[in-house]
Amino acid sequence: TDDAGTKEVLAATQNRIRAISKVHHKLYTRDDITTIDLDEYLDMLVEELRQSLAEGPAAIEVKLATEPVEVSPDTAVSVGVIVNELVSNAAKYAFADGGSGTIAIALTRAGDTGYAITVSDDGAGMGQSAKPSGSGLGMEIVDAMTRGLGAELEQIPCDKGTSQRLTVGTKS
């Protein structure tokens, strides 16, 4: 198709499928199929996102910092889709004018049983009550996945850009 909107929707769908396929790849390459190293999975996912973003007009650097966390394959799929959507939204809206910038992803342990993933950018930013600029489908997917995890997604105030933190499993 030559339609830019259709191409954009297909590219977003392709990225979601890649996020899920990475979990399956990790499962097939380890002896224990009941857990996945989330830090290693995010490393693979972020590398895919870097390659995808390199094809766009903006010069966006994606940084990743992780701590070791093991999760179930189903949880990894949900987390992967959420991270994919948050990074895609940051690339699409924070640097909409083709400018350069950084998207940082951090996986940290939270308490004995939980963890948090923060996705931040140094782009245009948005207000606390900002409505989605596009169709809002990406954030609907994020909201559904967040609820499915029994997690919380919050926007964190920051001086520049946007920062969102997903907190999972900190309740004992």
Protein backbone atom coordinates (compact mmCIF):
# COMPACT_ATOMS: atom_id res chain seq x y z
CA THR A 1 0.00 0.00 0.00
CA ASP A 2 1.02 3.59 -0.52
CA ASP A 3 -1.22 4.91 2.25
CA ALA A 4 0.94 6.26 5.11
CA GLY A 5 -1.72 5.57 7.74
CA THR A 6 -2.06 1.94 6.67
CA LYS A 7 1.71 1.51 6.66
CA GLU A 8 1.89 2.93 10.18
CA VAL A 9 -0.79 0.55 11.49
CA LEU A 10 0.90 -2.43 9.86
CA ALA A 11 4.31 -1.45 11.28
CA ALA A 12 2.82 -1.13 14.79
CA THR A 13 1.18 -4.53 14.45
CA GLN A 14 4.43 -6.04 13.23
CA ASN A 15 6.26 -4.65 16.28
CA ARG A 16 3.65 -6.16 18.62
CA ILE A 17 4.09 -9.55 16.95
CA ARG A 18 7.88 -9.27 17.26
CA ALA A 19 7.54 -8.55 20.98
CA ILE A 20 5.57 -11.76 21.45
CA SER A 21 7.81 -13.85 19.19
CA LYS A 22 10.85 -12.89 21.28
CA VAL A 23 9.29 -14.60 24.30
CA HIS A 24 8.76 -17.77 22.31
CA HIS A 25 12.35 -17.63 21.06
CA LYS A 26 13.62 -17.32 24.64
CA LEU A 27 11.46 -20.26 25.74
CA TYR A 28 12.75 -22.53 23.01
CA THR A 29 16.38 -21.80 23.84
CA ARG A 30 16.33 -22.65 27.55
CA ASP A 31 15.78 -25.74 29.64
CA ASP A 32 13.30 -24.11 32.02
CA ILE A 33 10.15 -23.13 30.13
CA THR A 34 8.30 -21.86 33.20
CA THR A 35 10.26 -18.62 33.56
CA ILE A 36 12.00 -16.05 31.40
CA ASP A 37 14.81 -13.68 32.35
CA LEU A 38 12.98 -10.40 31.81
CA ASP A 39 16.22 -8.43 31.67
CA GLU A 40 17.56 -10.57 28.81
CA TYR A 41 14.21 -10.50 27.03
CA LEU A 42 14.05 -6.70 27.24
CA ASP A 43 17.59 -6.51 25.87
CA MET A 44 16.49 -8.48 22.79
CA LEU A 45 13.31 -6.43 22.43
CA VAL A 46 15.13 -3.11 22.75
CA GLU A 47 17.61 -4.16 20.06
CA GLU A 48 14.65 -4.78 17.72
CA LEU A 49 13.19 -1.39 18.64
CA ARG A 50 16.53 0.30 17.95
CA GLN A 51 16.64 -1.24 14.49
CA SER A 52 13.04 -0.24 13.81
CA LEU A 53 13.62 3.35 14.97
CA ALA A 54 16.80 3.63 12.90
CA GLU A 55 14.58 3.43 9.81
CA GLY A 56 12.61 6.54 10.84
CA PRO A 57 13.34 10.23 10.24
CA ALA A 58 14.36 11.07 13.83
CA ALA A 59 17.71 10.27 15.39
CA ILE A 60 16.52 8.48 18.51
CA GLU A 61 18.86 6.72 20.91
CA VAL A 62 17.34 3.96 23.05
CA LYS A 63 19.08 3.18 26.33
CA LEU A 64 18.39 0.19 28.56
CA ALA A 65 19.40 -0.45 32.17
CA THR A 66 18.25 -3.65 33.86
CA GLU A 67 18.45 -5.71 37.01
CA PRO A 68 17.88 -9.49 36.95
CA VAL A 69 14.18 -10.38 37.15
CA GLU A 70 12.50 -13.69 36.30
CA VAL A 71 8.87 -13.79 35.20
CA SER A 72 6.41 -16.21 33.62
CA PRO A 73 6.19 -16.32 29.83
CA ASP A 74 2.69 -14.79 29.91
CA THR A 75 3.95 -11.91 32.03
CA ALA A 76 6.89 -11.39 29.68
CA VAL A 77 4.53 -11.14 26.70
CA SER A 78 2.45 -8.49 28.45
CA VAL A 79 5.50 -6.53 29.59
CA GLY A 80 7.01 -6.74 26.10
CA VAL A 81 3.88 -5.38 24.46
CA ILE A 82 3.66 -2.57 27.04
CA VAL A 83 7.30 -1.56 26.56
CA ASN A 84 6.89 -1.74 22.79
CA GLU A 85 3.86 0.56 22.91
CA LEU A 86 5.43 3.07 25.31
CA VAL A 87 8.62 3.29 23.25
CA SER A 88 6.66 3.53 20.00
CA ASN A 89 4.50 6.33 21.43
CA ALA A 90 7.58 8.20 22.65
CA ALA A 91 9.22 7.90 19.23
CA LYS A 92 6.04 8.96 17.47
CA TYR A 93 4.97 11.89 19.64
CA ALA A 94 7.97 13.08 21.66
CA PHE A 95 10.09 13.52 18.56
CA ALA A 96 7.27 14.14 16.06
CA ASP A 97 9.16 16.86 14.20
CA GLY A 98 12.01 14.49 13.32
CA GLY A 99 14.25 15.83 16.06
CA SER A 100 16.79 13.80 17.94
CA GLY A 101 16.54 12.55 21.48
CA THR A 102 16.77 9.67 23.90
CA ILE A 103 14.33 7.09 25.18
CA ALA A 104 15.51 5.38 28.37
CA ILE A 105 14.11 2.12 29.69
CA ALA A 106 14.94 0.91 33.19
CA LEU A 107 14.00 -2.41 34.81
CA THR A 108 14.48 -2.35 38.57
CA ARG A 109 13.54 -4.70 41.37
CA ALA A 110 10.86 -3.35 43.71
CA GLY A 111 10.53 -5.06 47.05
CA ASP A 112 10.92 -8.82 47.47
CA THR A 113 8.59 -9.93 44.69
CA GLY A 114 8.07 -6.98 42.39
CA TYR A 115 9.74 -4.92 39.76
CA ALA A 116 9.24 -1.66 37.93
CA ILE A 117 9.84 -0.65 34.35
CA THR A 118 10.26 3.03 33.60
CA VAL A 119 10.16 4.40 30.06
CA SER A 120 11.30 8.02 29.78
CA ASP A 121 12.05 10.36 26.92
CA ASP A 122 13.58 13.80 26.65
CA GLY A 123 11.20 14.96 23.96
CA ALA A 124 8.26 17.35 23.76
CA GLY A 125 6.50 16.00 26.85
CA MET A 126 2.81 15.95 27.62
CA GLY A 127 0.68 17.19 30.46
CA GLN A 128 -0.67 14.96 33.23
CA SER A 129 -4.13 14.99 31.65
CA ALA A 130 -3.05 14.85 28.01
CA LYS A 131 -5.25 12.92 25.64
CA PRO A 132 -3.70 10.62 23.01
CA SER A 133 -2.70 12.44 19.83
CA GLY A 134 -3.42 9.45 17.59
CA SER A 135 -6.12 6.82 17.69
CA GLY A 136 -5.31 5.93 21.30
CA LEU A 137 -5.22 2.22 20.42
CA GLY A 138 -1.67 1.81 21.72
CA MET A 139 -2.58 3.16 25.14
CA GLU A 140 -5.75 1.06 25.19
CA ILE A 141 -3.53 -1.99 24.67
CA VAL A 142 -1.17 -0.78 27.43
CA ASP A 143 -4.11 -0.26 29.81
CA ALA A 144 -5.52 -3.73 29.08
CA MET A 145 -2.14 -5.43 29.55
CA THR A 146 -1.51 -3.45 32.74
CA ARG A 147 -4.86 -4.54 34.19
CA GLY A 148 -4.13 -8.14 33.16
CA LEU A 149 -0.88 -8.01 35.13
CA GLY A 150 -2.59 -6.52 38.16
CA ALA A 151 -0.04 -3.74 37.77
CA GLU A 152 -0.05 0.03 37.95
CA LEU A 153 1.06 2.47 35.26
CA GLU A 154 1.73 6.00 36.37
CA GLN A 155 3.04 9.11 34.72
CA ILE A 156 6.00 10.47 36.66
CA PRO A 157 6.56 14.22 36.76
CA CYS A 158 9.81 15.22 35.06
CA ASP A 159 11.52 18.42 33.95
CA LYS A 160 11.69 17.46 30.29
CA GLY A 161 9.83 14.91 28.22
CA THR A 162 7.60 12.17 29.54
CA SER A 163 8.25 9.39 32.03
CA GLN A 164 5.94 6.48 32.77
CA ARG A 165 6.49 3.68 35.28
CA LEU A 166 4.88 0.26 35.28
CA THR A 167 4.99 -1.34 38.73
CA VAL A 168 4.27 -5.07 38.96
CA GLY A 169 3.84 -7.44 41.89
CA THR A 170 5.02 -5.40 44.82
CA LYS A 171 2.17 -6.57 47.06
CA SER A 172 2.95 -9.65 49.14
